[in-house]
Amino acid sequence: MKTIISTRWGALLAGMLFLLLSARAATAADPLVTVDWLKANLGKPGIAIVDFQPLPDYLRAHIPGAVNSNYAKDGWREERAADKVPDMFPEKLDKLVAHIGALGIDNATHVVLVPMGMNSTDVGVATRAYWTFKVLGHDNVSILDGGMAAWTKEQDKTKANPVQAGAAKAEPKTFKASLRKEMLVTMDDVKKAKAAGTLLVDNRPEDNYVGINRHPKSTESGTLAGAKNLPNGWMTVNGQGQFRSKSQIEQLYKHAGVPTSGEQINFCNTGHWASVGWFVSSELMGNKKARMYDGSMVEWTLLKGGGVEQKVKLN
């Protein structure tokens, strides 16, 4: 009798442990995964690999099983209808949610995002998509560190990572958004943050920050008054596709006068470079008080959010 009870309790405990581990796997993932991790997990159920290469490059060679997404056209960023501010988080989620489901992703899927990995700007495609998944309430998302460039890095042919040509087909699934409105920073939020002395972090290159050059859709040159400059290109090794170590990032933050904790708002021109800065602050450095302003300088100047500080004024 005791043996039967012990067996039942053992089975019950094992079942509970399995459910707990499954729930954890369904809701959380490491922000970055390595090439070795992805290679070891290829073909496993519950993992969707999303490739952001241009379609011709994707069709030529991609990670086996990876599906392709068009960052510019598939709903990740859209022009706001009322005021024509470009590259915003979409007001209507139907298109994006349907696209995510068509990629074979549901709310239990571990999504692995794969940028080209050639430079920090294309890494921003993955970090912006990562941020978008977080806003949609999906935490089970990672980025392949180094992207496709790291996967195909020249190596001994006997150790080469596999690639696949043509288009991979995904079984469509249903993805449901659970919007985290607190992650969406509006222009009014930035005004209030400025008034309260919240740290503003400009993740654009220095020439944009000081006002020498500007985005073609911005109407003024310069930065938000009082903002610190922490260029997105500093966050990756030699400005390429692999993120720097935590110790190096800490050094760079210190040099820029940006703390690794406390409230901050990352911005750039249209919330692309800023997504790299937000990803590093929030996900790699663990500062969950970091937020991103996707409207950034283009919205701020188009809609006349307030004064802009131009540090260099050319004659």
Foldseek 3Di string as FASTA:
>chain_A
DVVVVVVVVVVVVVVVVVVVVLVCLQAADAQEDELVVCLVCPPPPQEAEEEADPPVVQQAKDAPRHAYDDLVPQQLFAQDPPQRQGGHRDPDCVRVQQVCLQSQDASRHQYEYAFQFFFLLSLLSVLSVQLSCVQQVRRNYYYHFSGPCNLQPDDDPVPRRDIDHHGRGHDGDGYHGDGDVVQEADLVNVVVCVVVVFAEEEQAPVCQAQFVDHDPLFPGGHFDPPYFYQHLLQQADNRTRGGDDPVSVCVSCVVRVHDLEDAYEYAYQQQRSSSSVQCCSCNVSPHVNYHYHRSHRSVCRSVVSDDGHNNDDDD
